[in-house]
Amino acid sequence: MLTSSSAKFALMPAATFLAAQLFGLGSHALIIAVLFQALPTASSSYILARQLGGDAPLMAGITATQTLLGTAAVPLVMALVPA
């Protein structure tokens, strides 16, 4: 859970920010792209893991953890991304 959450809330927004800067996105597009990367994982991922024989309890834990962390991560990302 720690690995997936740190990648989701730190690495993905940072990589998206760098790519958006590289491609010259405007400020609104940059904020939207980075914000989408900072959102928690979809709740449907649990259903998909269960249907395909994956580790459904782990996916439920990841979904719950990321939902809680998302309440802090989204405002933090919004504050850090220059407007």
PDB file of N, CA and C in Angstrom:
ATOM      1  N   MET A   1       0.818  -1.191   0.000  1.00  0.00           N
ATOM      2  CA  MET A   1       0.000   0.000   0.000  1.00  0.00           C
ATOM      3  C   MET A   1       0.859   1.251   0.000  1.00  0.00           C
ATOM      4  N   LEU A   2       1.955   1.194   0.740  1.00  0.00           N
ATOM      5  CA  LEU A   2       2.845   2.349   0.810  1.00  0.00           C
ATOM      6  C   LEU A   2       3.456   2.655  -0.553  1.00  0.00           C
ATOM      7  N   THR A   3       3.872   1.617  -1.254  1.00  0.00           N
ATOM      8  CA  THR A   3       4.491   1.813  -2.565  1.00  0.00           C
ATOM      9  C   THR A   3       3.500   2.396  -3.568  1.00  0.00           C
ATOM     10  N   SER A   4       2.313   1.801  -3.622  1.00  0.00           N
ATOM     11  CA  SER A   4       1.343   2.288  -4.606  1.00  0.00           C
ATOM     12  C   SER A   4       0.863   3.701  -4.268  1.00  0.00           C
ATOM     13  N   SER A   5       0.694   3.987  -2.980  1.00  0.00           N
ATOM     14  CA  SER A   5       0.223   5.318  -2.602  1.00  0.00           C
ATOM     15  C   SER A   5       1.279   6.389  -2.817  1.00  0.00           C
ATOM     16  N   SER A   6       2.532   6.070  -2.507  1.00  0.00           N
ATOM     17  CA  SER A   6       3.577   7.073  -2.731  1.00  0.00           C
ATOM     18  C   SER A   6       3.789   7.322  -4.218  1.00  0.00           C
ATOM     19  N   ALA A   7       3.682   6.272  -5.026  1.00  0.00           N
ATOM     20  CA  ALA A   7       3.803   6.465  -6.472  1.00  0.00           C
ATOM     21  C   ALA A   7       2.625   7.287  -6.998  1.00  0.00           C
ATOM     22  N   LYS A   8       1.441   6.999  -6.487  1.00  0.00           N
ATOM     23  CA  LYS A   8       0.241   7.683  -6.972  1.00  0.00           C
ATOM     24  C   LYS A   8       0.215   9.158  -6.590  1.00  0.00           C
ATOM     25  N   PHE A   9       0.641   9.475  -5.365  1.00  0.00           N
ATOM     26  CA  PHE A   9       0.520  10.851  -4.887  1.00  0.00           C
ATOM     27  C   PHE A   9       1.788  11.679  -5.000  1.00  0.00           C
ATOM     28  N   ALA A  10       2.922  11.066  -5.289  1.00  0.00           N
ATOM     29  CA  ALA A  10       4.171  11.830  -5.405  1.00  0.00           C
ATOM     30  C   ALA A  10       4.784  11.710  -6.800  1.00  0.00           C
ATOM     31  N   LEU A  11       5.036  10.492  -7.242  1.00  0.00           N
ATOM     32  CA  LEU A  11       5.740  10.306  -8.513  1.00  0.00           C
ATOM     33  C   LEU A  11       4.898  10.692  -9.729  1.00  0.00           C
ATOM     34  N   MET A  12       3.654  10.255  -9.755  1.00  0.00           N
ATOM     35  CA  MET A  12       2.824  10.556 -10.931  1.00  0.00           C
ATOM     36  C   MET A  12       2.544  12.045 -11.107  1.00  0.00           C
ATOM     37  N   PRO A  13       2.172  12.779 -10.047  1.00  0.00           N
ATOM     38  CA  PRO A  13       1.990  14.226 -10.250  1.00  0.00           C
ATOM     39  C   PRO A  13       3.292  14.939 -10.635  1.00  0.00           C
ATOM     40  N   ALA A  14       4.404  14.518 -10.041  1.00  0.00           N
ATOM     41  CA  ALA A  14       5.688  15.146 -10.374  1.00  0.00           C
ATOM     42  C   ALA A  14       6.074  14.875 -11.823  1.00  0.00           C
ATOM     43  N   ALA A  15       5.906  13.646 -12.274  1.00  0.00           N
ATOM     44  CA  ALA A  15       6.231  13.300 -13.663  1.00  0.00           C
ATOM     45  C   ALA A  15       5.307  14.035 -14.635  1.00  0.00           C
ATOM     46  N   THR A  16       4.046  14.141 -14.283  1.00  0.00           N
ATOM     47  CA  THR A  16       3.096  14.862 -15.127  1.00  0.00           C
ATOM     48  C   THR A  16       3.438  16.341 -15.189  1.00  0.00           C
ATOM     49  N   PHE A  17       3.827  16.912 -14.055  1.00  0.00           N
ATOM     50  CA  PHE A  17       4.214  18.321 -14.028  1.00  0.00           C
ATOM     51  C   PHE A  17       5.420  18.560 -14.944  1.00  0.00           C
ATOM     52  N   LEU A  18       6.422  17.696 -14.847  1.00  0.00           N
ATOM     53  CA  LEU A  18       7.609  17.848 -15.694  1.00  0.00           C
ATOM     54  C   LEU A  18       7.268  17.684 -17.170  1.00  0.00           C
ATOM     55  N   ALA A  19       6.430  16.697 -17.497  1.00  0.00           N
ATOM     56  CA  ALA A  19       6.039  16.491 -18.891  1.00  0.00           C
ATOM     57  C   ALA A  19       5.223  17.674 -19.410  1.00  0.00           C
ATOM     58  N   ALA A  20       4.334  18.202 -18.578  1.00  0.00           N
ATOM     59  CA  ALA A  20       3.526  19.351 -18.995  1.00  0.00           C
ATOM     60  C   ALA A  20       4.399  20.575 -19.234  1.00  0.00           C
ATOM     61  N   GLN A  21       5.406  20.762 -18.386  1.00  0.00           N
ATOM     62  CA  GLN A  21       6.350  21.864 -18.587  1.00  0.00           C
ATOM     63  C   GLN A  21       7.128  21.669 -19.881  1.00  0.00           C
ATOM     64  N   LEU A  22       7.538  20.422 -20.135  1.00  0.00           N
ATOM     65  CA  LEU A  22       8.310  20.111 -21.336  1.00  0.00           C
ATOM     66  C   LEU A  22       7.506  20.386 -22.605  1.00  0.00           C
ATOM     67  N   PHE A  23       6.221  20.049 -22.574  1.00  0.00           N
ATOM     68  CA  PHE A  23       5.368  20.250 -23.744  1.00  0.00           C
ATOM     69  C   PHE A  23       4.760  21.645 -23.812  1.00  0.00           C
ATOM     70  N   GLY A  24       5.020  22.474 -22.811  1.00  0.00           N
ATOM     71  CA  GLY A  24       4.569  23.857 -22.836  1.00  0.00           C
ATOM     72  C   GLY A  24       3.076  24.047 -22.618  1.00  0.00           C
ATOM     73  N   LEU A  25       2.468  23.223 -21.792  1.00  0.00           N
ATOM     74  CA  LEU A  25       1.036  23.392 -21.520  1.00  0.00           C
ATOM     75  C   LEU A  25       0.791  24.705 -20.790  1.00  0.00           C
ATOM     76  N   GLY A  26      -0.366  25.281 -21.025  1.00  0.00           N
ATOM     77  CA  GLY A  26      -0.758  26.498 -20.321  1.00  0.00           C
ATOM     78  C   GLY A  26      -1.069  26.188 -18.870  1.00  0.00           C
ATOM     79  N   SER A  27      -1.269  27.223 -18.080  1.00  0.00           N
ATOM     80  CA  SER A  27      -1.432  27.031 -16.641  1.00  0.00           C
ATOM     81  C   SER A  27      -2.684  26.232 -16.293  1.00  0.00           C
ATOM     82  N   HIS A  28      -3.791  26.469 -16.980  1.00  0.00           N
ATOM     83  CA  HIS A  28      -5.012  25.727 -16.671  1.00  0.00           C
ATOM     84  C   HIS A  28      -4.876  24.255 -17.034  1.00  0.00           C
ATOM     85  N   ALA A  29      -4.324  23.966 -18.188  1.00  0.00           N
ATOM     86  CA  ALA A  29      -4.131  22.573 -18.607  1.00  0.00           C
ATOM     87  C   ALA A  29      -3.139  21.864 -17.696  1.00  0.00           C
ATOM     88  N   LEU A  30      -2.107  22.569 -17.264  1.00  0.00           N
ATOM     89  CA  LEU A  30      -1.118  21.991 -16.360  1.00  0.00           C
ATOM     90  C   LEU A  30      -1.758  21.624 -15.025  1.00  0.00           C
ATOM     91  N   ILE A  31      -2.552  22.525 -14.473  1.00  0.00           N
ATOM     92  CA  ILE A  31      -3.214  22.259 -13.193  1.00  0.00           C
ATOM     93  C   ILE A  31      -4.161  21.066 -13.314  1.00  0.00           C
ATOM     94  N   ILE A  32      -4.928  21.004 -14.382  1.00  0.00           N
ATOM     95  CA  ILE A  32      -5.871  19.903 -14.570  1.00  0.00           C
ATOM     96  C   ILE A  32      -5.132  18.576 -14.729  1.00  0.00           C
ATOM     97  N   ALA A  33      -4.063  18.559 -15.518  1.00  0.00           N
ATOM     98  CA  ALA A  33      -3.309  17.323 -15.722  1.00  0.00           C
ATOM     99  C   ALA A  33      -2.703  16.817 -14.418  1.00  0.00           C
ATOM    100  N   VAL A  34      -2.099  17.705 -13.657  1.00  0.00           N
ATOM    101  CA  VAL A  34      -1.475  17.304 -12.390  1.00  0.00           C
ATOM    102  C   VAL A  34      -2.538  16.905 -11.374  1.00  0.00           C
ATOM    103  N   LEU A  35      -3.648  17.606 -11.353  1.00  0.00           N
ATOM    104  CA  LEU A  35      -4.718  17.283 -10.421  1.00  0.00           C
ATOM    105  C   LEU A  35      -5.289  15.892 -10.691  1.00  0.00           C
ATOM    106  N   PHE A  36      -5.485  15.550 -11.949  1.00  0.00           N
ATOM    107  CA  PHE A  36      -5.989  14.218 -12.274  1.00  0.00           C
ATOM    108  C   PHE A  36      -5.025  13.127 -11.815  1.00  0.00           C
ATOM    109  N   GLN A  37      -3.736  13.406 -11.855  1.00  0.00           N
ATOM    110  CA  GLN A  37      -2.764  12.406 -11.400  1.00  0.00           C
ATOM    111  C   GLN A  37      -2.736  12.279  -9.886  1.00  0.00           C
ATOM    112  N   ALA A  38      -3.228  13.268  -9.170  1.00  0.00           N
ATOM    113  CA  ALA A  38      -3.217  13.232  -7.703  1.00  0.00           C
ATOM    114  C   ALA A  38      -4.504  12.661  -7.114  1.00  0.00           C
ATOM    115  N   LEU A  39      -5.450  12.285  -7.958  1.00  0.00           N
ATOM    116  CA  LEU A  39      -6.700  11.712  -7.452  1.00  0.00           C
ATOM    117  C   LEU A  39      -6.469  10.266  -7.017  1.00  0.00           C
ATOM    118  N   PRO A  40      -7.225   9.796  -6.025  1.00  0.00           N
ATOM    119  CA  PRO A  40      -7.068   8.403  -5.587  1.00  0.00           C
ATOM    120  C   PRO A  40      -7.533   7.422  -6.660  1.00  0.00           C
ATOM    121  N   THR A  41      -7.148   6.172  -6.494  1.00  0.00           N
ATOM    122  CA  THR A  41      -7.514   5.143  -7.453  1.00  0.00           C
ATOM    123  C   THR A  41      -9.031   4.947  -7.498  1.00  0.00           C
ATOM    124  N   ALA A  42      -9.512   4.445  -8.596  1.00  0.00           N
ATOM    125  CA  ALA A  42     -10.954   4.261  -8.777  1.00  0.00           C
ATOM    126  C   ALA A  42     -11.468   3.118  -7.911  1.00  0.00           C
ATOM    127  N   SER A  43     -12.654   3.286  -7.385  1.00  0.00           N
ATOM    128  CA  SER A  43     -13.232   2.230  -6.547  1.00  0.00           C
ATOM    129  C   SER A  43     -13.573   0.989  -7.358  1.00  0.00           C
ATOM    130  N   SER A  44     -13.730   1.139  -8.647  1.00  0.00           N
ATOM    131  CA  SER A  44     -14.022  -0.023  -9.497  1.00  0.00           C
ATOM    132  C   SER A  44     -12.822  -0.964  -9.610  1.00  0.00           C
ATOM    133  N   SER A  45     -11.649  -0.526  -9.187  1.00  0.00           N
ATOM    134  CA  SER A  45     -10.478  -1.402  -9.245  1.00  0.00           C
ATOM    135  C   SER A  45     -10.628  -2.603  -8.314  1.00  0.00           C
ATOM    136  N   TYR A  46     -11.362  -2.429  -7.211  1.00  0.00           N
ATOM    137  CA  TYR A  46     -11.632  -3.562  -6.314  1.00  0.00           C
ATOM    138  C   TYR A  46     -12.478  -4.610  -7.031  1.00  0.00           C
ATOM    139  N   ILE A  47     -13.523  -4.168  -7.711  1.00  0.00           N
ATOM    140  CA  ILE A  47     -14.403  -5.093  -8.425  1.00  0.00           C
ATOM    141  C   ILE A  47     -13.626  -5.819  -9.519  1.00  0.00           C
ATOM    142  N   LEU A  48     -12.800  -5.101 -10.230  1.00  0.00           N
ATOM    143  CA  LEU A  48     -11.990  -5.700 -11.279  1.00  0.00           C
ATOM    144  C   LEU A  48     -11.022  -6.725 -10.702  1.00  0.00           C
ATOM    145  N   ALA A  49     -10.378  -6.401  -9.593  1.00  0.00           N
ATOM    146  CA  ALA A  49      -9.459  -7.351  -8.960  1.00  0.00           C
ATOM    147  C   ALA A  49     -10.206  -8.602  -8.510  1.00  0.00           C
ATOM    148  N   ARG A  50     -11.378  -8.442  -7.960  1.00  0.00           N
ATOM    149  CA  ARG A  50     -12.163  -9.591  -7.497  1.00  0.00           C
ATOM    150  C   ARG A  50     -12.622 -10.445  -8.666  1.00  0.00           C
ATOM    151  N   GLN A  51     -13.084  -9.825  -9.737  1.00  0.00           N
ATOM    152  CA  GLN A  51     -13.589 -10.569 -10.894  1.00  0.00           C
ATOM    153  C   GLN A  51     -12.488 -11.317 -11.637  1.00  0.00           C
ATOM    154  N   LEU A  52     -11.296 -10.749 -11.645  1.00  0.00           N
ATOM    155  CA  LEU A  52     -10.195 -11.363 -12.400  1.00  0.00           C
ATOM    156  C   LEU A  52      -9.282 -12.226 -11.539  1.00  0.00           C
ATOM    157  N   GLY A  53      -9.683 -12.457 -10.288  1.00  0.00           N
ATOM    158  CA  GLY A  53      -8.903 -13.343  -9.432  1.00  0.00           C
ATOM    159  C   GLY A  53      -7.678 -12.694  -8.813  1.00  0.00           C
ATOM    160  N   GLY A  54      -7.663 -11.397  -8.747  1.00  0.00           N
ATOM    161  CA  GLY A  54      -6.546 -10.680  -8.135  1.00  0.00           C
ATOM    162  C   GLY A  54      -6.682 -10.642  -6.624  1.00  0.00           C
ATOM    163  N   ASP A  55      -5.833  -9.878  -5.991  1.00  0.00           N
ATOM    164  CA  ASP A  55      -5.845  -9.756  -4.533  1.00  0.00           C
ATOM    165  C   ASP A  55      -6.856  -8.673  -4.144  1.00  0.00           C
ATOM    166  N   ALA A  56      -8.120  -9.072  -4.055  1.00  0.00           N
ATOM    167  CA  ALA A  56      -9.203  -8.122  -3.781  1.00  0.00           C
ATOM    168  C   ALA A  56      -9.064  -7.457  -2.412  1.00  0.00           C
ATOM    169  N   PRO A  57      -8.703  -8.194  -1.337  1.00  0.00           N
ATOM    170  CA  PRO A  57      -8.535  -7.506  -0.050  1.00  0.00           C
ATOM    171  C   PRO A  57      -7.436  -6.439  -0.078  1.00  0.00           C
ATOM    172  N   LEU A  58      -6.335  -6.717  -0.777  1.00  0.00           N
ATOM    173  CA  LEU A  58      -5.279  -5.717  -0.906  1.00  0.00           C
ATOM    174  C   LEU A  58      -5.782  -4.510  -1.682  1.00  0.00           C
ATOM    175  N   MET A  59      -6.528  -4.752  -2.745  1.00  0.00           N
ATOM    176  CA  MET A  59      -7.052  -3.640  -3.544  1.00  0.00           C
ATOM    177  C   MET A  59      -8.044  -2.824  -2.740  1.00  0.00           C
ATOM    178  N   ALA A  60      -8.831  -3.471  -1.886  1.00  0.00           N
ATOM    179  CA  ALA A  60      -9.756  -2.736  -1.023  1.00  0.00           C
ATOM    180  C   ALA A  60      -8.981  -1.850  -0.056  1.00  0.00           C
ATOM    181  N   GLY A  61      -7.882  -2.367   0.477  1.00  0.00           N
ATOM    182  CA  GLY A  61      -7.045  -1.571   1.376  1.00  0.00           C
ATOM    183  C   GLY A  61      -6.390  -0.404   0.669  1.00  0.00           C
ATOM    184  N   ILE A  62      -5.902  -0.643  -0.536  1.00  0.00           N
ATOM    185  CA  ILE A  62      -5.278   0.427  -1.317  1.00  0.00           C
ATOM    186  C   ILE A  62      -6.306   1.512  -1.632  1.00  0.00           C
ATOM    187  N   THR A  63      -7.507   1.106  -2.033  1.00  0.00           N
ATOM    188  CA  THR A  63      -8.554   2.069  -2.360  1.00  0.00           C
ATOM    189  C   THR A  63      -8.937   2.909  -1.147  1.00  0.00           C
ATOM    190  N   ALA A  64      -9.110   2.256   0.003  1.00  0.00           N
ATOM    191  CA  ALA A  64      -9.476   2.992   1.217  1.00  0.00           C
ATOM    192  C   ALA A  64      -8.361   3.933   1.651  1.00  0.00           C
ATOM    193  N   THR A  65      -7.123   3.452   1.614  1.00  0.00           N
ATOM    194  CA  THR A  65      -5.978   4.273   2.023  1.00  0.00           C
ATOM    195  C   THR A  65      -5.819   5.477   1.102  1.00  0.00           C
ATOM    196  N   GLN A  66      -5.895   5.240  -0.198  1.00  0.00           N
ATOM    197  CA  GLN A  66      -5.717   6.343  -1.137  1.00  0.00           C
ATOM    198  C   GLN A  66      -6.865   7.345  -1.073  1.00  0.00           C
ATOM    199  N   THR A  67      -8.053   6.883  -0.753  1.00  0.00           N
ATOM    200  CA  THR A  67      -9.174   7.812  -0.601  1.00  0.00           C
ATOM    201  C   THR A  67      -8.935   8.744   0.583  1.00  0.00           C
ATOM    202  N   LEU A  68      -8.442   8.180   1.680  1.00  0.00           N
ATOM    203  CA  LEU A  68      -8.134   9.014   2.848  1.00  0.00           C
ATOM    204  C   LEU A  68      -6.960   9.955   2.571  1.00  0.00           C
ATOM    205  N   LEU A  69      -5.915   9.434   1.938  1.00  0.00           N
ATOM    206  CA  LEU A  69      -4.753  10.275   1.626  1.00  0.00           C
ATOM    207  C   LEU A  69      -5.089  11.351   0.598  1.00  0.00           C
ATOM    208  N   GLY A  70      -6.040  11.050  -0.271  1.00  0.00           N
ATOM    209  CA  GLY A  70      -6.441  12.012  -1.298  1.00  0.00           C
ATOM    210  C   GLY A  70      -7.035  13.280  -0.727  1.00  0.00           C
ATOM    211  N   THR A  71      -7.632  13.184   0.463  1.00  0.00           N
ATOM    212  CA  THR A  71      -8.201  14.386   1.078  1.00  0.00           C
ATOM    213  C   THR A  71      -7.120  15.403   1.439  1.00  0.00           C
ATOM    214  N   ALA A  72      -5.906  14.924   1.649  1.00  0.00           N
ATOM    215  CA  ALA A  72      -4.783  15.836   1.914  1.00  0.00           C
ATOM    216  C   ALA A  72      -3.962  16.102   0.660  1.00  0.00           C
ATOM    217  N   ALA A  73      -3.852  15.090  -0.206  1.00  0.00           N
ATOM    218  CA  ALA A  73      -2.981  15.216  -1.377  1.00  0.00           C
ATOM    219  C   ALA A  73      -3.519  16.204  -2.408  1.00  0.00           C
ATOM    220  N   VAL A  74      -4.804  16.177  -2.643  1.00  0.00           N
ATOM    221  CA  VAL A  74      -5.370  17.060  -3.679  1.00  0.00           C
ATOM    222  C   VAL A  74      -5.176  18.541  -3.315  1.00  0.00           C
ATOM    223  N   PRO A  75      -5.525  18.980  -2.102  1.00  0.00           N
ATOM    224  CA  PRO A  75      -5.251  20.391  -1.778  1.00  0.00           C
ATOM    225  C   PRO A  75      -3.767  20.730  -1.777  1.00  0.00           C
ATOM    226  N   LEU A  76      -2.929  19.783  -1.361  1.00  0.00           N
ATOM    227  CA  LEU A  76      -1.482  20.023  -1.363  1.00  0.00           C
ATOM    228  C   LEU A  76      -0.963  20.211  -2.777  1.00  0.00           C
ATOM    229  N   VAL A  77      -1.395  19.374  -3.682  1.00  0.00           N
ATOM    230  CA  VAL A  77      -0.972  19.503  -5.085  1.00  0.00           C
ATOM    231  C   VAL A  77      -1.463  20.827  -5.664  1.00  0.00           C
ATOM    232  N   MET A  78      -2.698  21.192  -5.346  1.00  0.00           N
ATOM    233  CA  MET A  78      -3.228  22.459  -5.841  1.00  0.00           C
ATOM    234  C   MET A  78      -2.420  23.650  -5.312  1.00  0.00           C
ATOM    235  N   ALA A  79      -1.943  23.534  -4.082  1.00  0.00           N
ATOM    236  CA  ALA A  79      -1.156  24.625  -3.509  1.00  0.00           C
ATOM    237  C   ALA A  79       0.258  24.679  -4.113  1.00  0.00           C
ATOM    238  N   LEU A  80       0.801  23.535  -4.498  1.00  0.00           N
ATOM    239  CA  LEU A  80       2.175  23.489  -5.000  1.00  0.00           C
ATOM    240  C   LEU A  80       2.294  23.817  -6.493  1.00  0.00           C
ATOM    241  N   VAL A  81       1.255  23.552  -7.256  1.00  0.00           N
ATOM    242  CA  VAL A  81       1.319  23.810  -8.696  1.00  0.00           C
ATOM    243  C   VAL A  81       1.130  25.298  -8.931  1.00  0.00           C
ATOM    244  N   PRO A  82       2.067  25.916  -9.635  1.00  0.00           N
ATOM    245  CA  PRO A  82       1.930  27.360  -9.900  1.00  0.00           C
ATOM    246  C   PRO A  82       0.754  27.641 -10.830  1.00  0.00           C
ATOM    247  N   ALA A  83       0.016  28.665 -10.523  1.00  0.00           N
ATOM    248  CA  ALA A  83      -1.166  29.012 -11.334  1.00  0.00           C
ATOM    249  C   ALA A  83      -0.804  29.904 -12.489  1.00  0.00           C
TER     250      ALA A  83
END
